[in-house]
Amino acid sequence: MKAIRQFVIFILVIVAIVAFFIGIQLINDSSGRTLGLMYDDLQGTPFSSYATPGWLYLIFIGVGSMVTLILTVKHTKHYAAIVIIMGIILAIFIIAQITLINSINFLIVILAFFAFALIVLGNFMRRNLKHPHHAPVQQKAFHKNKKHHLHKK
């Protein structure tokens, strides 16, 4: 379980770094040229420049991954469900990007793999948190009037 959580943390760090990099690049150069994007690819999309997709990537994927990362590291109560939600958000962004731009590249494939991994591993962690293999052993309660055999008289 610990190894799975560590792998999820690794994925979230990579996704956050990539999202912040892409988001900042798209905001700073709304033509998309610094990332090798074609301005013509925006035709037929609701965007007139790459700045808005940059902000969306930065906020939803970058900040979302960082929040999920922090909650996972802190081992908060519902961190596994939040990992699943982050994977779904990333998958939606990838599907939207492929649909709008009608193009697939290596980075999209890697991010799609990460989205799938977050969803699957998050589900695995969630199930293991609900039904741990090693249930805690309950101590036998002593009757308050009875003394333990090791208790001195």
Foldseek 3Di string as FASTA:
>chain_A
DVVLLVVLLVLLVVQLVVLLVQLVVCLVPFCCVVVPDHQVLQPPPPDNTSNVVSVVSNVLRNVLSVVLSVCSVVVDDLSLVSLLVNLVSLCVNLVVVCVSSVDDDPVSVVSPVSSVSSNVSSVVVVVCVVPPPDDDDDDDDDDPVDDDPPDDD
